[in-house]
PDB file of all heavy atoms in Angstrom:
ATOM      1  N   ASP A   1       0.817  -1.230  -0.008  1.00  0.00           N
ATOM      2  CA  ASP A   1       0.042  -0.004   0.015  1.00  0.00           C
ATOM      3  C   ASP A   1       0.875   1.271   0.052  1.00  0.00           C
ATOM      4  O   ASP A   1       0.425   2.334  -0.382  1.00  0.00           O
ATOM      5  CB  ASP A   1      -0.949   0.035   1.180  1.00  0.00           C
ATOM      6  CG  ASP A   1      -1.941  -1.099   1.183  1.00  0.00           C
ATOM      7  OD1 ASP A   1      -2.168  -1.626   0.084  1.00  0.00           O
ATOM      8  OD2 ASP A   1      -2.392  -1.598   2.183  1.00  0.00           O
ATOM      9  N   SER A   2       2.101   1.158   0.508  1.00  0.00           N
ATOM     10  CA  SER A   2       2.872   2.347   0.577  1.00  0.00           C
ATOM     11  C   SER A   2       4.108   2.417  -0.309  1.00  0.00           C
ATOM     12  O   SER A   2       4.881   3.416  -0.358  1.00  0.00           O
ATOM     13  CB  SER A   2       3.413   2.417   2.063  1.00  0.00           C
ATOM     14  OG  SER A   2       4.170   1.312   2.391  1.00  0.00           O
ATOM     15  N   CYS A   3       4.438   1.283  -1.021  1.00  0.00           N
ATOM     16  CA  CYS A   3       5.628   1.191  -1.767  1.00  0.00           C
ATOM     17  C   CYS A   3       5.474   1.991  -3.145  1.00  0.00           C
ATOM     18  O   CYS A   3       4.369   2.249  -3.639  1.00  0.00           O
ATOM     19  CB  CYS A   3       6.102  -0.183  -2.037  1.00  0.00           C
ATOM     20  SG  CYS A   3       5.069  -1.125  -3.098  1.00  0.00           S
ATOM     21  N   LEU A   4       6.503   2.235  -3.842  1.00  0.00           N
ATOM     22  CA  LEU A   4       6.582   2.891  -5.097  1.00  0.00           C
ATOM     23  C   LEU A   4       6.050   1.884  -6.228  1.00  0.00           C
ATOM     24  O   LEU A   4       6.122   0.662  -6.022  1.00  0.00           O
ATOM     25  CB  LEU A   4       7.976   3.256  -5.502  1.00  0.00           C
ATOM     26  CG  LEU A   4       8.585   4.440  -4.518  1.00  0.00           C
ATOM     27  CD1 LEU A   4      10.001   4.549  -4.905  1.00  0.00           C
ATOM     28  CD2 LEU A   4       7.840   5.665  -4.618  1.00  0.00           C
ATOM     29  N   PRO A   5       5.512   2.466  -7.343  1.00  0.00           N
ATOM     30  CA  PRO A   5       4.942   1.563  -8.326  1.00  0.00           C
ATOM     31  C   PRO A   5       5.854   0.492  -8.849  1.00  0.00           C
ATOM     32  O   PRO A   5       5.553  -0.564  -9.115  1.00  0.00           O
ATOM     33  CB  PRO A   5       4.520   2.493  -9.408  1.00  0.00           C
ATOM     34  CG  PRO A   5       4.257   3.882  -8.667  1.00  0.00           C
ATOM     35  CD  PRO A   5       5.293   3.875  -7.574  1.00  0.00           C
ATOM     36  N   GLU A   6       7.234   0.917  -8.909  1.00  0.00           N
ATOM     37  CA  GLU A   6       8.184  -0.020  -9.568  1.00  0.00           C
ATOM     38  C   GLU A   6       8.459  -1.220  -8.665  1.00  0.00           C
ATOM     39  O   GLU A   6       8.960  -2.255  -9.094  1.00  0.00           O
ATOM     40  CB  GLU A   6       9.525   0.713  -9.945  1.00  0.00           C
ATOM     41  CG  GLU A   6      10.106   1.529  -8.733  1.00  0.00           C
ATOM     42  CD  GLU A   6       9.720   2.919  -8.757  1.00  0.00           C
ATOM     43  OE1 GLU A   6       8.550   3.201  -9.275  1.00  0.00           O
ATOM     44  OE2 GLU A   6      10.455   3.832  -8.205  1.00  0.00           O
ATOM     45  N   THR A   7       8.167  -1.078  -7.349  1.00  0.00           N
ATOM     46  CA  THR A   7       8.468  -2.208  -6.441  1.00  0.00           C
ATOM     47  C   THR A   7       7.177  -2.999  -6.107  1.00  0.00           C
ATOM     48  O   THR A   7       7.143  -4.085  -5.535  1.00  0.00           O
ATOM     49  CB  THR A   7       9.129  -1.742  -5.153  1.00  0.00           C
ATOM     50  OG1 THR A   7       8.299  -0.705  -4.489  1.00  0.00           O
ATOM     51  CG2 THR A   7      10.515  -1.138  -5.546  1.00  0.00           C
ATOM     52  N   ARG A   8       6.021  -2.439  -6.449  1.00  0.00           N
ATOM     53  CA  ARG A   8       4.693  -2.953  -6.000  1.00  0.00           C
ATOM     54  C   ARG A   8       4.570  -4.336  -6.640  1.00  0.00           C
ATOM     55  O   ARG A   8       3.995  -5.285  -5.940  1.00  0.00           O
ATOM     56  CB  ARG A   8       3.622  -2.081  -6.407  1.00  0.00           C
ATOM     57  CG  ARG A   8       2.143  -2.522  -5.898  1.00  0.00           C
ATOM     58  CD  ARG A   8       1.086  -1.479  -6.085  1.00  0.00           C
ATOM     59  NE  ARG A   8       1.417  -0.319  -5.267  1.00  0.00           N
ATOM     60  CZ  ARG A   8       1.422   0.908  -5.668  1.00  0.00           C
ATOM     61  NH1 ARG A   8       1.254   1.190  -6.972  1.00  0.00           N
ATOM     62  NH2 ARG A   8       1.647   1.981  -4.945  1.00  0.00           N
ATOM     63  N   GLU A   9       4.977  -4.546  -7.840  1.00  0.00           N
ATOM     64  CA  GLU A   9       4.774  -5.787  -8.566  1.00  0.00           C
ATOM     65  C   GLU A   9       5.464  -6.927  -7.774  1.00  0.00           C
ATOM     66  O   GLU A   9       4.997  -8.104  -7.586  1.00  0.00           O
ATOM     67  CB  GLU A   9       5.260  -5.812  -9.990  1.00  0.00           C
ATOM     68  CG  GLU A   9       5.026  -7.058 -10.869  1.00  0.00           C
ATOM     69  CD  GLU A   9       5.484  -6.895 -12.267  1.00  0.00           C
ATOM     70  OE1 GLU A   9       5.889  -5.789 -12.661  1.00  0.00           O
ATOM     71  OE2 GLU A   9       5.535  -8.012 -12.934  1.00  0.00           O
ATOM     72  N   SER A  10       6.805  -6.692  -7.378  1.00  0.00           N
ATOM     73  CA  SER A  10       7.529  -7.693  -6.756  1.00  0.00           C
ATOM     74  C   SER A  10       6.885  -7.963  -5.295  1.00  0.00           C
ATOM     75  O   SER A  10       6.749  -9.171  -4.847  1.00  0.00           O
ATOM     76  CB  SER A  10       9.025  -7.326  -6.508  1.00  0.00           C
ATOM     77  OG  SER A  10       9.122  -6.118  -5.792  1.00  0.00           O
ATOM     78  N   VAL A  11       6.445  -6.924  -4.607  1.00  0.00           N
ATOM     79  CA  VAL A  11       5.727  -7.265  -3.347  1.00  0.00           C
ATOM     80  C   VAL A  11       4.431  -8.019  -3.560  1.00  0.00           C
ATOM     81  O   VAL A  11       4.188  -8.968  -2.736  1.00  0.00           O
ATOM     82  CB  VAL A  11       5.444  -5.858  -2.664  1.00  0.00           C
ATOM     83  CG1 VAL A  11       4.494  -6.043  -1.359  1.00  0.00           C
ATOM     84  CG2 VAL A  11       6.716  -5.178  -2.321  1.00  0.00           C
ATOM     85  N   GLU A  12       3.731  -7.703  -4.542  1.00  0.00           N
ATOM     86  CA  GLU A  12       2.488  -8.542  -4.855  1.00  0.00           C
ATOM     87  C   GLU A  12       2.910 -10.018  -5.133  1.00  0.00           C
ATOM     88  O   GLU A  12       2.155 -10.929  -4.785  1.00  0.00           O
ATOM     89  CB  GLU A  12       1.665  -7.970  -5.907  1.00  0.00           C
ATOM     90  CG  GLU A  12       1.042  -6.674  -5.632  1.00  0.00           C
ATOM     91  CD  GLU A  12       0.203  -5.929  -6.729  1.00  0.00           C
ATOM     92  OE1 GLU A  12       0.567  -6.263  -7.934  1.00  0.00           O
ATOM     93  OE2 GLU A  12      -0.472  -5.014  -6.495  1.00  0.00           O
ATOM     94  N   ASN A  13       3.973 -10.210  -5.810  1.00  0.00           N
ATOM     95  CA  ASN A  13       4.417 -11.539  -6.145  1.00  0.00           C
ATOM     96  C   ASN A  13       4.782 -12.279  -4.832  1.00  0.00           C
ATOM     97  O   ASN A  13       4.466 -13.397  -4.633  1.00  0.00           O
ATOM     98  CB  ASN A  13       5.639 -11.497  -7.076  1.00  0.00           C
ATOM     99  CG  ASN A  13       6.175 -12.841  -7.438  1.00  0.00           C
ATOM    100  OD1 ASN A  13       5.474 -13.687  -7.753  1.00  0.00           O
ATOM    101  ND2 ASN A  13       7.542 -12.999  -7.288  1.00  0.00           N
ATOM    102  N   PHE A  14       5.487 -11.575  -3.969  1.00  0.00           N
ATOM    103  CA  PHE A  14       5.810 -12.162  -2.616  1.00  0.00           C
ATOM    104  C   PHE A  14       4.418 -12.437  -1.915  1.00  0.00           C
ATOM    105  O   PHE A  14       4.392 -13.678  -1.262  1.00  0.00           O
ATOM    106  CB  PHE A  14       6.509 -11.115  -1.762  1.00  0.00           C
ATOM    107  CG  PHE A  14       7.871 -10.696  -2.311  1.00  0.00           C
ATOM    108  CD1 PHE A  14       8.562  -9.605  -1.822  1.00  0.00           C
ATOM    109  CD2 PHE A  14       8.539 -11.486  -3.237  1.00  0.00           C
ATOM    110  CE1 PHE A  14       9.846  -9.238  -2.317  1.00  0.00           C
ATOM    111  CE2 PHE A  14       9.769 -11.151  -3.785  1.00  0.00           C
ATOM    112  CZ  PHE A  14      10.365  -9.966  -3.308  1.00  0.00           C
ATOM    113  N   LEU A  15       3.548 -11.572  -1.969  1.00  0.00           N
ATOM    114  CA  LEU A  15       2.240 -12.039  -1.239  1.00  0.00           C
ATOM    115  C   LEU A  15       1.553 -13.165  -1.849  1.00  0.00           C
ATOM    116  O   LEU A  15       1.143 -14.058  -1.003  1.00  0.00           O
ATOM    117  CB  LEU A  15       1.314 -10.769  -1.502  1.00  0.00           C
ATOM    118  CG  LEU A  15       1.398  -9.676  -0.437  1.00  0.00           C
ATOM    119  CD1 LEU A  15       0.493  -8.482  -0.854  1.00  0.00           C
ATOM    120  CD2 LEU A  15       0.842 -10.134   0.948  1.00  0.00           C
ATOM    121  N   THR A  16       1.570 -13.273  -3.085  1.00  0.00           N
ATOM    122  CA  THR A  16       0.959 -14.561  -3.806  1.00  0.00           C
ATOM    123  C   THR A  16       1.655 -15.884  -3.309  1.00  0.00           C
ATOM    124  O   THR A  16       1.018 -16.811  -2.944  1.00  0.00           O
ATOM    125  CB  THR A  16       1.074 -14.413  -5.299  1.00  0.00           C
ATOM    126  OG1 THR A  16       0.346 -13.237  -5.681  1.00  0.00           O
ATOM    127  CG2 THR A  16       0.474 -15.582  -5.895  1.00  0.00           C
ATOM    128  N   ILE A  17       2.955 -15.752  -3.351  1.00  0.00           N
ATOM    129  CA  ILE A  17       3.708 -16.917  -2.843  1.00  0.00           C
ATOM    130  C   ILE A  17       3.474 -17.288  -1.458  1.00  0.00           C
ATOM    131  O   ILE A  17       3.195 -18.495  -1.207  1.00  0.00           O
ATOM    132  CB  ILE A  17       5.309 -16.674  -3.043  1.00  0.00           C
ATOM    133  CG1 ILE A  17       5.628 -16.570  -4.638  1.00  0.00           C
ATOM    134  CG2 ILE A  17       6.146 -17.789  -2.463  1.00  0.00           C
ATOM    135  CD1 ILE A  17       7.030 -16.094  -4.880  1.00  0.00           C
ATOM    136  N   PHE A  18       3.562 -16.348  -0.549  1.00  0.00           N
ATOM    137  CA  PHE A  18       3.425 -16.735   0.799  1.00  0.00           C
ATOM    138  C   PHE A  18       2.018 -16.940   1.339  1.00  0.00           C
ATOM    139  O   PHE A  18       1.796 -17.500   2.304  1.00  0.00           O
ATOM    140  CB  PHE A  18       4.232 -15.679   1.628  1.00  0.00           C
ATOM    141  CG  PHE A  18       5.743 -15.849   1.616  1.00  0.00           C
ATOM    142  CD1 PHE A  18       6.419 -15.004   0.670  1.00  0.00           C
ATOM    143  CD2 PHE A  18       6.286 -16.946   2.141  1.00  0.00           C
ATOM    144  CE1 PHE A  18       7.795 -15.195   0.527  1.00  0.00           C
ATOM    145  CE2 PHE A  18       7.745 -17.112   1.938  1.00  0.00           C
ATOM    146  CZ  PHE A  18       8.461 -16.277   1.157  1.00  0.00           C
ATOM    147  N   TYR A  19       0.993 -16.382   0.598  1.00  0.00           N
ATOM    148  CA  TYR A  19      -0.421 -16.770   0.823  1.00  0.00           C
ATOM    149  C   TYR A  19      -0.532 -18.302   0.642  1.00  0.00           C
ATOM    150  O   TYR A  19      -1.088 -19.020   1.477  1.00  0.00           O
ATOM    151  CB  TYR A  19      -1.292 -16.054  -0.105  1.00  0.00           C
ATOM    152  CG  TYR A  19      -1.886 -14.748   0.298  1.00  0.00           C
ATOM    153  CD1 TYR A  19      -1.943 -13.690  -0.489  1.00  0.00           C
ATOM    154  CD2 TYR A  19      -2.391 -14.610   1.598  1.00  0.00           C
ATOM    155  CE1 TYR A  19      -2.421 -12.406  -0.182  1.00  0.00           C
ATOM    156  CE2 TYR A  19      -2.934 -13.300   2.044  1.00  0.00           C
ATOM    157  CZ  TYR A  19      -2.935 -12.253   1.188  1.00  0.00           C
ATOM    158  OH  TYR A  19      -3.501 -11.100   1.574  1.00  0.00           O
ATOM    159  N   GLN A  20       0.020 -18.691  -0.540  1.00  0.00           N
ATOM    160  CA  GLN A  20      -0.018 -20.113  -0.840  1.00  0.00           C
ATOM    161  C   GLN A  20       0.675 -20.979   0.139  1.00  0.00           C
ATOM    162  O   GLN A  20       0.259 -22.088   0.554  1.00  0.00           O
ATOM    163  CB  GLN A  20       0.412 -20.326  -2.288  1.00  0.00           C
ATOM    164  CG  GLN A  20      -0.463 -19.726  -3.276  1.00  0.00           C
ATOM    165  CD  GLN A  20       0.072 -19.789  -4.725  1.00  0.00           C
ATOM    166  OE1 GLN A  20       1.327 -20.181  -4.946  1.00  0.00           O
ATOM    167  NE2 GLN A  20      -0.622 -19.541  -5.674  1.00  0.00           N
ATOM    168  N   VAL A  21       1.936 -20.477   0.472  1.00  0.00           N
ATOM    169  CA  VAL A  21       2.757 -21.252   1.440  1.00  0.00           C
ATOM    170  C   VAL A  21       2.017 -21.453   2.764  1.00  0.00           C
ATOM    171  O   VAL A  21       1.983 -22.565   3.286  1.00  0.00           O
ATOM    172  CB  VAL A  21       3.993 -20.485   1.706  1.00  0.00           C
ATOM    173  CG1 VAL A  21       4.753 -21.101   2.904  1.00  0.00           C
ATOM    174  CG2 VAL A  21       4.952 -20.630   0.467  1.00  0.00           C
ATOM    175  N   GLU A  22       1.336 -20.367   3.219  1.00  0.00           N
ATOM    176  CA  GLU A  22       0.691 -20.436   4.518  1.00  0.00           C
ATOM    177  C   GLU A  22      -0.519 -21.415   4.579  1.00  0.00           C
ATOM    178  O   GLU A  22      -0.672 -22.170   5.406  1.00  0.00           O
ATOM    179  CB  GLU A  22       0.216 -18.967   4.840  1.00  0.00           C
ATOM    180  CG  GLU A  22       0.016 -18.866   6.405  1.00  0.00           C
ATOM    181  CD  GLU A  22      -1.310 -19.366   6.918  1.00  0.00           C
ATOM    182  OE1 GLU A  22      -2.309 -19.281   6.136  1.00  0.00           O
ATOM    183  OE2 GLU A  22      -1.446 -19.800   8.111  1.00  0.00           O
ATOM    184  N   TRP A  23      -1.331 -21.495   3.411  1.00  0.00           N
ATOM    185  CA  TRP A  23      -2.444 -22.320   3.516  1.00  0.00           C
ATOM    186  C   TRP A  23      -1.972 -23.775   3.212  1.00  0.00           C
ATOM    187  O   TRP A  23      -2.618 -24.603   3.787  1.00  0.00           O
ATOM    188  CB  TRP A  23      -3.601 -21.913   2.612  1.00  0.00           C
ATOM    189  CG  TRP A  23      -3.617 -22.127   1.149  1.00  0.00           C
ATOM    190  CD1 TRP A  23      -3.492 -23.292   0.472  1.00  0.00           C
ATOM    191  CD2 TRP A  23      -3.873 -21.109   0.114  1.00  0.00           C
ATOM    192  NE1 TRP A  23      -3.606 -23.160  -0.775  1.00  0.00           N
ATOM    193  CE2 TRP A  23      -3.856 -21.781  -1.099  1.00  0.00           C
ATOM    194  CE3 TRP A  23      -4.120 -19.833   0.183  1.00  0.00           C
ATOM    195  CZ2 TRP A  23      -4.092 -21.133  -2.382  1.00  0.00           C
ATOM    196  CZ3 TRP A  23      -4.348 -19.201  -1.086  1.00  0.00           C
ATOM    197  CH2 TRP A  23      -4.388 -19.783  -2.317  1.00  0.00           C
ATOM    198  N   VAL A  24      -0.939 -24.007   2.444  1.00  0.00           N
ATOM    199  CA  VAL A  24      -0.519 -25.346   2.315  1.00  0.00           C
ATOM    200  C   VAL A  24       0.028 -25.869   3.646  1.00  0.00           C
ATOM    201  O   VAL A  24       0.013 -27.099   4.075  1.00  0.00           O
ATOM    202  CB  VAL A  24       0.482 -25.539   1.208  1.00  0.00           C
ATOM    203  CG1 VAL A  24       1.154 -26.985   1.182  1.00  0.00           C
ATOM    204  CG2 VAL A  24      -0.107 -25.188  -0.169  1.00  0.00           C
ATOM    205  N   TRP A  25       0.827 -25.030   4.345  1.00  0.00           N
ATOM    206  CA  TRP A  25       1.402 -25.334   5.682  1.00  0.00           C
ATOM    207  C   TRP A  25       0.174 -25.694   6.542  1.00  0.00           C
ATOM    208  O   TRP A  25       0.337 -26.723   7.348  1.00  0.00           O
ATOM    209  CB  TRP A  25       2.243 -24.169   6.226  1.00  0.00           C
ATOM    210  CG  TRP A  25       3.022 -24.652   7.346  1.00  0.00           C
ATOM    211  CD1 TRP A  25       2.494 -24.995   8.651  1.00  0.00           C
ATOM    212  CD2 TRP A  25       4.443 -24.627   7.585  1.00  0.00           C
ATOM    213  NE1 TRP A  25       3.505 -25.388   9.495  1.00  0.00           N
ATOM    214  CE2 TRP A  25       4.731 -25.074   8.912  1.00  0.00           C
ATOM    215  CE3 TRP A  25       5.499 -24.326   6.699  1.00  0.00           C
ATOM    216  CZ2 TRP A  25       5.949 -25.251   9.355  1.00  0.00           C
ATOM    217  CZ3 TRP A  25       6.766 -24.400   7.243  1.00  0.00           C
ATOM    218  CH2 TRP A  25       7.059 -24.894   8.602  1.00  0.00           C
ATOM    219  N   HIS A  26      -0.781 -24.877   6.655  1.00  0.00           N
ATOM    220  CA  HIS A  26      -1.822 -25.058   7.550  1.00  0.00           C
ATOM    221  C   HIS A  26      -2.494 -26.430   7.309  1.00  0.00           C
ATOM    222  O   HIS A  26      -2.801 -27.206   8.342  1.00  0.00           O
ATOM    223  CB  HIS A  26      -2.931 -23.967   7.448  1.00  0.00           C
ATOM    224  CG  HIS A  26      -3.927 -23.939   8.461  1.00  0.00           C
ATOM    225  ND1 HIS A  26      -5.031 -23.054   8.450  1.00  0.00           N
ATOM    226  CD2 HIS A  26      -4.125 -24.671   9.547  1.00  0.00           C
ATOM    227  CE1 HIS A  26      -5.713 -23.207   9.531  1.00  0.00           C
ATOM    228  NE2 HIS A  26      -5.225 -24.218  10.187  1.00  0.00           N
ATOM    229  N   LEU A  27      -2.722 -26.818   6.074  1.00  0.00           N
ATOM    230  CA  LEU A  27      -3.307 -28.162   5.762  1.00  0.00           C
ATOM    231  C   LEU A  27      -2.380 -29.255   6.203  1.00  0.00           C
ATOM    232  O   LEU A  27      -2.842 -30.208   6.769  1.00  0.00           O
ATOM    233  CB  LEU A  27      -3.546 -28.301   4.303  1.00  0.00           C
ATOM    234  CG  LEU A  27      -4.152 -29.586   3.858  1.00  0.00           C
ATOM    235  CD1 LEU A  27      -5.534 -29.850   4.429  1.00  0.00           C
ATOM    236  CD2 LEU A  27      -4.263 -29.653   2.263  1.00  0.00           C
ATOM    237  N   THR A  28      -1.053 -29.089   5.993  1.00  0.00           N
ATOM    238  CA  THR A  28      -0.079 -30.096   6.403  1.00  0.00           C
ATOM    239  C   THR A  28      -0.173 -30.232   7.918  1.00  0.00           C
ATOM    240  O   THR A  28      -0.082 -31.349   8.489  1.00  0.00           O
ATOM    241  CB  THR A  28       1.368 -29.728   5.999  1.00  0.00           C
ATOM    242  OG1 THR A  28       1.300 -29.438   4.564  1.00  0.00           O
ATOM    243  CG2 THR A  28       2.306 -30.886   6.160  1.00  0.00           C
ATOM    244  N   GLU A  29      -0.266 -29.224   8.582  1.00  0.00           N
ATOM    245  CA  GLU A  29      -0.293 -29.243  10.073  1.00  0.00           C
ATOM    246  C   GLU A  29      -1.510 -30.114  10.506  1.00  0.00           C
ATOM    247  O   GLU A  29      -1.539 -30.839  11.493  1.00  0.00           O
ATOM    248  CB  GLU A  29      -0.414 -27.784  10.658  1.00  0.00           C
ATOM    249  CG  GLU A  29      -0.436 -27.645  12.165  1.00  0.00           C
ATOM    250  CD  GLU A  29      -0.705 -26.259  12.597  1.00  0.00           C
ATOM    251  OE1 GLU A  29       0.293 -25.427  12.426  1.00  0.00           O
ATOM    252  OE2 GLU A  29      -1.778 -25.893  13.042  1.00  0.00           O
ATOM    253  N   ILE A  30      -2.669 -29.809   9.825  1.00  0.00           N
ATOM    254  CA  ILE A  30      -3.973 -30.467  10.171  1.00  0.00           C
ATOM    255  C   ILE A  30      -3.832 -32.032   9.929  1.00  0.00           C
ATOM    256  O   ILE A  30      -4.256 -32.834  10.818  1.00  0.00           O
ATOM    257  CB  ILE A  30      -5.114 -29.870   9.388  1.00  0.00           C
ATOM    258  CG1 ILE A  30      -5.443 -28.497   9.864  1.00  0.00           C
ATOM    259  CG2 ILE A  30      -6.360 -30.826   9.426  1.00  0.00           C
ATOM    260  CD1 ILE A  30      -6.395 -27.753   8.970  1.00  0.00           C
ATOM    261  N   LEU A  31      -3.255 -32.409   8.796  1.00  0.00           N
ATOM    262  CA  LEU A  31      -3.267 -33.806   8.391  1.00  0.00           C
ATOM    263  C   LEU A  31      -2.147 -34.627   8.943  1.00  0.00           C
ATOM    264  O   LEU A  31      -2.342 -35.774   9.197  1.00  0.00           O
ATOM    265  CB  LEU A  31      -3.118 -33.823   6.829  1.00  0.00           C
ATOM    266  CG  LEU A  31      -4.332 -33.239   6.029  1.00  0.00           C
ATOM    267  CD1 LEU A  31      -4.104 -33.433   4.497  1.00  0.00           C
ATOM    268  CD2 LEU A  31      -5.578 -33.937   6.424  1.00  0.00           C
ATOM    269  N   TYR A  32      -1.050 -33.873   9.336  1.00  0.00           N
ATOM    270  CA  TYR A  32       0.147 -34.765   9.668  1.00  0.00           C
ATOM    271  C   TYR A  32       0.698 -34.397  11.082  1.00  0.00           C
ATOM    272  O   TYR A  32       1.467 -35.157  11.646  1.00  0.00           O
ATOM    273  CB  TYR A  32       1.282 -34.494   8.694  1.00  0.00           C
ATOM    274  CG  TYR A  32       0.837 -35.121   7.333  1.00  0.00           C
ATOM    275  CD1 TYR A  32       0.293 -34.295   6.361  1.00  0.00           C
ATOM    276  CD2 TYR A  32       1.143 -36.492   6.995  1.00  0.00           C
ATOM    277  CE1 TYR A  32      -0.106 -34.786   5.119  1.00  0.00           C
ATOM    278  CE2 TYR A  32       0.792 -36.954   5.730  1.00  0.00           C
ATOM    279  CZ  TYR A  32       0.186 -36.087   4.784  1.00  0.00           C
ATOM    280  OH  TYR A  32      -0.187 -36.656   3.627  1.00  0.00           O
ATOM    281  N   VAL A  33       0.294 -33.193  11.608  1.00  0.00           N
ATOM    282  CA  VAL A  33       0.947 -32.852  12.939  1.00  0.00           C
ATOM    283  C   VAL A  33      -0.184 -32.855  14.051  1.00  0.00           C
ATOM    284  O   VAL A  33      -0.082 -33.524  15.137  1.00  0.00           O
ATOM    285  CB  VAL A  33       1.600 -31.438  12.882  1.00  0.00           C
ATOM    286  CG1 VAL A  33       2.267 -31.214  14.229  1.00  0.00           C
ATOM    287  CG2 VAL A  33       2.623 -31.563  11.760  1.00  0.00           C
ATOM    288  N   ASP A  34      -1.344 -32.168  13.743  1.00  0.00           N
ATOM    289  CA  ASP A  34      -2.302 -31.953  14.810  1.00  0.00           C
ATOM    290  C   ASP A  34      -3.463 -32.922  14.515  1.00  0.00           C
ATOM    291  O   ASP A  34      -4.628 -32.532  14.361  1.00  0.00           O
ATOM    292  CB  ASP A  34      -2.798 -30.442  14.741  1.00  0.00           C
ATOM    293  CG  ASP A  34      -3.770 -30.200  15.895  1.00  0.00           C
ATOM    294  OD1 ASP A  34      -3.849 -30.921  16.858  1.00  0.00           O
ATOM    295  OD2 ASP A  34      -4.625 -29.292  15.692  1.00  0.00           O
ATOM    296  N   THR A  35      -3.212 -34.206  14.437  1.00  0.00           N
ATOM    297  CA  THR A  35      -4.312 -35.159  14.134  1.00  0.00           C
ATOM    298  C   THR A  35      -5.172 -35.439  15.423  1.00  0.00           C
ATOM    299  O   THR A  35      -4.603 -35.564  16.497  1.00  0.00           O
ATOM    300  CB  THR A  35      -3.760 -36.510  13.711  1.00  0.00           C
ATOM    301  OG1 THR A  35      -2.766 -36.923  14.600  1.00  0.00           O
ATOM    302  CG2 THR A  35      -3.079 -36.333  12.323  1.00  0.00           C
ATOM    303  N   LEU A  36      -6.503 -35.342  15.284  1.00  0.00           N
ATOM    304  CA  LEU A  36      -7.508 -35.631  16.288  1.00  0.00           C
ATOM    305  C   LEU A  36      -7.561 -37.096  16.604  1.00  0.00           C
ATOM    306  O   LEU A  36      -7.222 -37.962  15.786  1.00  0.00           O
ATOM    307  CB  LEU A  36      -8.793 -35.061  15.957  1.00  0.00           C
ATOM    308  CG  LEU A  36      -8.973 -33.533  15.729  1.00  0.00           C
ATOM    309  CD1 LEU A  36     -10.260 -33.187  15.244  1.00  0.00           C
ATOM    310  CD2 LEU A  36      -8.561 -32.825  17.022  1.00  0.00           C
ATOM    311  N   PRO A  37      -8.020 -37.428  17.874  1.00  0.00           N
ATOM    312  CA  PRO A  37      -8.191 -38.876  18.114  1.00  0.00           C
ATOM    313  C   PRO A  37      -9.128 -39.475  17.188  1.00  0.00           C
ATOM    314  O   PRO A  37     -10.245 -38.883  16.764  1.00  0.00           O
ATOM    315  CB  PRO A  37      -8.855 -38.781  19.589  1.00  0.00           C
ATOM    316  CG  PRO A  37      -8.428 -37.456  20.151  1.00  0.00           C
ATOM    317  CD  PRO A  37      -8.152 -36.523  19.008  1.00  0.00           C
TER     318      PRO A  37
END
C-alpha cells in the first residue's frame, strides 16, 4: 500500500507466494501434525 509503483509488482508476487505457502502449511499441520483422536 505504501511502496513505489516499480516495487509494487515484486511485493505482490511475494504476497501470492506466501499466501499459498501459509495455506498449504496449515493443511499439512492439520493432516500430519495436529491429528485428532
